[in-house]
Each structure stands twice: as structure tokens, then as C-alpha cells.
Amino acid sequence: MERFGKLRETALKQGGTITAAQARALGCSRASLAGWAARGRLERVAHGVYLLPEGMEDELFVLSLRSSRLVFSHETALFLNGLSERTPARHAATFPRSAVPREGVRDALRCHYVARELLDLGRTVRRTSFGNEVPCYDAERTICDLVRSRNKMDEETFLAGLRLYAVRPDKDLGRLDAYARRLRVSRAVARFLEVLL
């Protein structure tokens, strides 16, 4: 019982979610997890991820727990950065080119790939609607990604994101320019923002 108490306490700090790896670190075996799941004390929501019955499943947090290499990007990063009011129908994440996400993760996301040296450019953490922290690109990197992928996304979402960024009081145009140069989209970013600023 004491092990389940520690597991429950850890899970509650994460909105009711816990991974099998975290449970093992607390001294809980896979057999214990399976037993608790069979008795309804936990629910298996994904491979290696469990939820307490009173917890609310946080899809973004669960996805981030399933893959340490993902960074939420594009429309999902727009939403997490407050540059879109709509939750995307399908979340987007960026991975290093050399990474092959698990099938379940790949099926749940629109996957984008970049060179390993660009993966951490603009990487930060943002809180989901449930209060959990997930890896995400900052607003400036998100704008660069939108410009890079503008032909593959909804035009309304693209333009709304640019407009909201342009009126944002904490925008960092210097950082945006630095990112745009590294991602080789500086002319396109400048062209779009000239109209809005």
C-alpha cells in the first residue's frame, strides 16, 4: 500500500499521470502496475503511461512523456504560445531527422523533422491547459516554422498567428531575425512582418 501511496502522490503532481519508468524509480514493478490497472486503481492510457481514476488525461503531456525527443511546434506551438485560440485538430511536433518516433506517437501527431543542430533552437517549456509543462518552441521559432511551412497549412491559421505575433507586446524582433537567419527564411519573415508592423 505504501508504494501505491508514493506513486499516487507523484502522479497527482502531474495531473494524475505517471510513467512506468517513474513508477519503477519509486520501487513499483510492472506486475504491480498491471495489478493496480486490473483493479481500476490506474488506467493505462498509452504504452508505459498510466492515469489515476480521478486524473484528467492531458494529451500533450502524455505525448511528451512517450517521446523525449519531441518539441511541440507549428499549430500546437501557436496555441501553447497564445498565438491561436483554437486547439489544433491534430497536434504537431518536431523531431531530429535521425529520430524515428514510435508508431503510436507518429500516428498521433503531424511530424516535422529538422537537423539535430536546429532542434533546440527556440526550445522552451509551456504549460498545457491542464497545467503540465511540455517542450515547445517559443513564439519567434514558431513564426519561423510557420513561414517555412506556409504552403502546408491552413492560410487562416497562418495569417492569424502572424497578426497576433505582430501585436504582441513581448515580441523579440532581434531573436526572430536571428532564428530566421539560422533557418534560412529571413527574407520571407521580413516580407510578411513588414505588412503587419
Protein backbone atom coordinates (compact mmCIF):
# COMPACT_ATOMS: atom_id res chain seq x y z
CA MET A 1 0.00 0.00 0.00
CA GLU A 2 2.85 2.37 0.81
CA ARG A 3 4.25 2.05 -2.73
CA PHE A 4 0.90 2.95 -4.25
CA GLY A 5 0.70 5.97 -1.95
CA LYS A 6 4.06 7.26 -3.23
CA LEU A 7 3.02 6.54 -6.81
CA ARG A 8 -0.29 8.35 -6.30
CA GLU A 9 1.45 11.37 -4.76
CA THR A 10 3.86 11.63 -7.72
CA ALA A 11 1.05 11.18 -10.24
CA LEU A 12 -1.10 13.88 -8.60
CA LYS A 13 1.73 16.40 -9.12
CA GLN A 14 1.39 15.66 -12.85
CA GLY A 15 -2.35 15.89 -13.15
CA GLY A 16 -2.83 12.22 -12.27
CA THR A 17 -0.39 10.85 -14.87
CA ILE A 18 2.66 8.67 -14.22
CA THR A 19 5.03 6.71 -16.43
CA ALA A 20 6.21 3.16 -15.88
CA ALA A 21 9.78 4.50 -15.57
CA GLN A 22 8.72 6.89 -12.80
CA ALA A 23 6.88 4.06 -11.06
CA ARG A 24 9.99 1.82 -11.26
CA ALA A 25 12.06 4.64 -9.69
CA LEU A 26 9.58 4.57 -6.79
CA GLY A 27 10.08 0.81 -6.37
CA CYS A 28 6.92 -0.32 -8.20
CA SER A 29 7.23 -3.29 -10.55
CA ARG A 30 5.47 -3.76 -13.88
CA ALA A 31 3.42 -6.51 -12.23
CA SER A 32 2.25 -4.04 -9.56
CA LEU A 33 1.23 -1.53 -12.25
CA ALA A 34 -0.67 -4.24 -14.13
CA GLY A 35 -2.39 -5.34 -10.91
CA TRP A 36 -3.43 -1.81 -9.99
CA ALA A 37 -4.71 -1.29 -13.53
CA ALA A 38 -6.71 -4.54 -13.37
CA ARG A 39 -8.30 -3.42 -10.08
CA GLY A 40 -9.17 0.02 -11.50
CA ARG A 41 -6.72 1.98 -9.37
CA LEU A 42 -4.88 3.05 -12.54
CA GLU A 43 -5.80 3.26 -16.20
CA ARG A 44 -3.25 2.54 -18.92
CA VAL A 45 -3.66 5.45 -21.39
CA ALA A 46 -0.63 4.71 -23.60
CA HIS A 47 2.38 2.43 -23.73
CA GLY A 48 4.15 2.99 -20.40
CA VAL A 49 1.80 5.79 -19.27
CA TYR A 50 -0.87 5.42 -16.56
CA LEU A 51 -3.58 7.70 -15.19
CA LEU A 52 -5.29 7.78 -11.80
CA PRO A 53 -9.11 7.42 -11.98
CA GLU A 54 -9.58 11.00 -10.73
CA GLY A 55 -6.99 12.38 -13.18
CA MET A 56 -7.76 14.12 -16.45
CA GLU A 57 -5.85 12.89 -19.47
CA ASP A 58 -3.61 15.64 -20.83
CA GLU A 59 -2.93 14.53 -24.41
CA LEU A 60 0.06 16.84 -24.93
CA PHE A 61 1.66 15.82 -21.64
CA VAL A 62 1.17 12.12 -22.37
CA LEU A 63 2.73 12.54 -25.83
CA SER A 64 5.71 14.38 -24.32
CA LEU A 65 6.19 11.56 -21.80
CA ARG A 66 6.18 8.99 -24.61
CA SER A 67 8.96 10.68 -26.58
CA SER A 68 11.77 12.70 -25.03
CA ARG A 69 12.89 13.92 -28.46
CA LEU A 70 9.75 15.77 -29.49
CA VAL A 71 9.23 19.52 -29.32
CA PHE A 72 5.71 20.80 -29.96
CA SER A 73 5.73 23.09 -32.98
CA HIS A 74 3.68 24.72 -35.73
CA GLU A 75 -0.07 24.95 -34.91
CA THR A 76 0.39 23.33 -31.49
CA ALA A 77 3.12 25.82 -30.57
CA LEU A 78 0.88 28.65 -31.82
CA PHE A 79 -1.78 27.51 -29.35
CA LEU A 80 0.66 26.99 -26.45
CA ASN A 81 2.23 30.43 -27.05
CA GLY A 82 -1.15 32.17 -27.06
CA LEU A 83 -0.97 32.95 -30.79
CA SER A 84 -4.08 30.93 -31.60
CA GLU A 85 -7.32 30.47 -29.73
CA ARG A 86 -8.08 27.15 -31.43
CA THR A 87 -6.69 23.84 -30.27
CA PRO A 88 -5.38 22.13 -33.41
CA ALA A 89 -7.39 19.17 -34.69
CA ARG A 90 -4.09 17.28 -34.94
CA HIS A 91 -1.08 18.27 -32.89
CA ALA A 92 2.31 18.93 -34.49
CA ALA A 93 5.78 18.21 -33.16
CA THR A 94 9.32 18.42 -34.47
CA PHE A 95 11.91 15.66 -34.13
CA PRO A 96 15.56 15.38 -35.15
CA ARG A 97 15.92 13.88 -38.64
CA SER A 98 17.73 10.85 -37.24
CA ALA A 99 14.90 10.00 -34.81
CA VAL A 100 12.16 7.56 -35.62
CA PRO A 101 9.27 8.12 -33.22
CA ARG A 102 7.31 5.11 -32.03
CA GLU A 103 4.36 4.22 -34.21
CA GLY A 104 1.78 5.31 -31.62
CA VAL A 105 3.44 8.71 -31.27
CA ARG A 106 3.84 9.09 -35.04
CA ASP A 107 0.18 8.25 -35.61
CA ALA A 108 -1.00 10.81 -33.05
CA LEU A 109 0.98 13.75 -34.48
CA ARG A 110 1.87 15.63 -37.63
CA CYS A 111 5.62 15.07 -37.50
CA HIS A 112 8.21 17.54 -38.77
CA TYR A 113 11.93 16.82 -38.92
CA VAL A 114 14.96 19.13 -38.67
CA ALA A 115 18.73 18.77 -38.48
CA ARG A 116 19.82 17.88 -34.95
CA GLU A 117 21.63 21.22 -34.52
CA LEU A 118 18.35 23.10 -35.15
CA LEU A 119 16.15 21.04 -32.84
CA ASP A 120 16.89 23.07 -29.71
CA LEU A 121 16.76 26.48 -31.42
CA GLY A 122 13.99 28.34 -29.57
CA ARG A 123 13.13 25.35 -27.38
CA THR A 124 11.37 26.25 -24.14
CA VAL A 125 8.57 24.84 -22.00
CA ARG A 126 4.95 25.92 -21.93
CA ARG A 127 2.03 24.90 -19.73
CA THR A 128 -0.84 22.96 -21.22
CA SER A 129 -4.47 23.75 -20.43
CA PHE A 130 -4.13 21.19 -17.60
CA GLY A 131 -1.10 22.96 -16.09
CA ASN A 132 1.57 20.44 -17.09
CA GLU A 133 4.84 21.64 -18.64
CA VAL A 134 5.71 20.34 -22.11
CA PRO A 135 8.58 21.09 -24.52
CA CYS A 136 7.58 23.67 -27.08
CA TYR A 137 9.14 26.26 -29.36
CA ASP A 138 8.96 29.89 -28.32
CA ALA A 139 6.90 32.40 -30.28
CA GLU A 140 9.78 33.51 -32.51
CA ARG A 141 10.76 29.99 -33.55
CA THR A 142 7.08 29.20 -34.13
CA ILE A 143 6.74 32.16 -36.52
CA CYS A 144 9.79 30.94 -38.46
CA ASP A 145 8.35 27.42 -38.66
CA LEU A 146 5.02 28.80 -39.89
CA VAL A 147 6.74 30.74 -42.66
CA ARG A 148 8.79 27.68 -43.62
CA SER A 149 5.64 25.52 -43.80
CA ARG A 150 3.13 28.12 -45.03
CA ASN A 151 2.19 26.09 -48.13
CA LYS A 152 1.31 23.06 -45.98
CA MET A 153 -1.03 24.73 -43.53
CA ASP A 154 -4.36 26.48 -43.33
CA GLU A 155 -3.98 30.08 -44.57
CA GLU A 156 -6.35 31.48 -41.94
CA THR A 157 -4.33 29.92 -39.10
CA PHE A 158 -1.08 31.15 -40.66
CA LEU A 159 -2.26 34.76 -41.05
CA ALA A 160 -3.96 34.88 -37.63
CA GLY A 161 -0.75 33.67 -35.96
CA LEU A 162 1.31 36.34 -37.71
CA ARG A 163 -1.20 39.07 -36.76
CA LEU A 164 -1.28 38.03 -33.11
CA TYR A 165 2.54 37.94 -33.00
CA ALA A 166 2.77 41.42 -34.58
CA VAL A 167 0.64 42.99 -31.81
CA ARG A 168 2.25 41.01 -29.01
CA PRO A 169 3.93 43.39 -26.52
CA ASP A 170 6.69 40.91 -25.58
CA LYS A 171 7.75 40.03 -29.14
CA ASP A 172 11.52 39.93 -29.68
CA LEU A 173 12.28 41.02 -33.24
CA GLY A 174 16.02 40.61 -32.71
CA ARG A 175 15.58 36.99 -31.70
CA LEU A 176 13.12 36.44 -34.56
CA ASP A 177 15.70 37.77 -37.03
CA ALA A 178 18.46 35.56 -35.56
CA TYR A 179 16.27 32.46 -35.80
CA ALA A 180 15.10 33.36 -39.30
CA ARG A 181 18.73 33.63 -40.46
CA ARG A 182 19.64 30.24 -38.98
CA LEU A 183 16.54 28.66 -40.55
CA ARG A 184 17.14 30.48 -43.87
CA VAL A 185 13.78 32.23 -44.00
CA SER A 186 14.82 35.79 -43.12
CA ARG A 187 13.58 37.37 -46.37
CA ALA A 188 10.20 35.66 -46.18
CA VAL A 189 9.75 36.53 -42.47
CA ALA A 190 10.67 40.16 -43.15
CA ARG A 191 8.25 40.34 -46.09
CA PHE A 192 5.30 39.04 -44.06
CA LEU A 193 6.01 41.18 -41.00
CA GLU A 194 6.59 44.38 -42.98
CA VAL A 195 2.92 44.34 -43.88
CA LEU A 196 1.82 43.81 -40.28
CA LEU A 197 4.20 46.06 -38.29
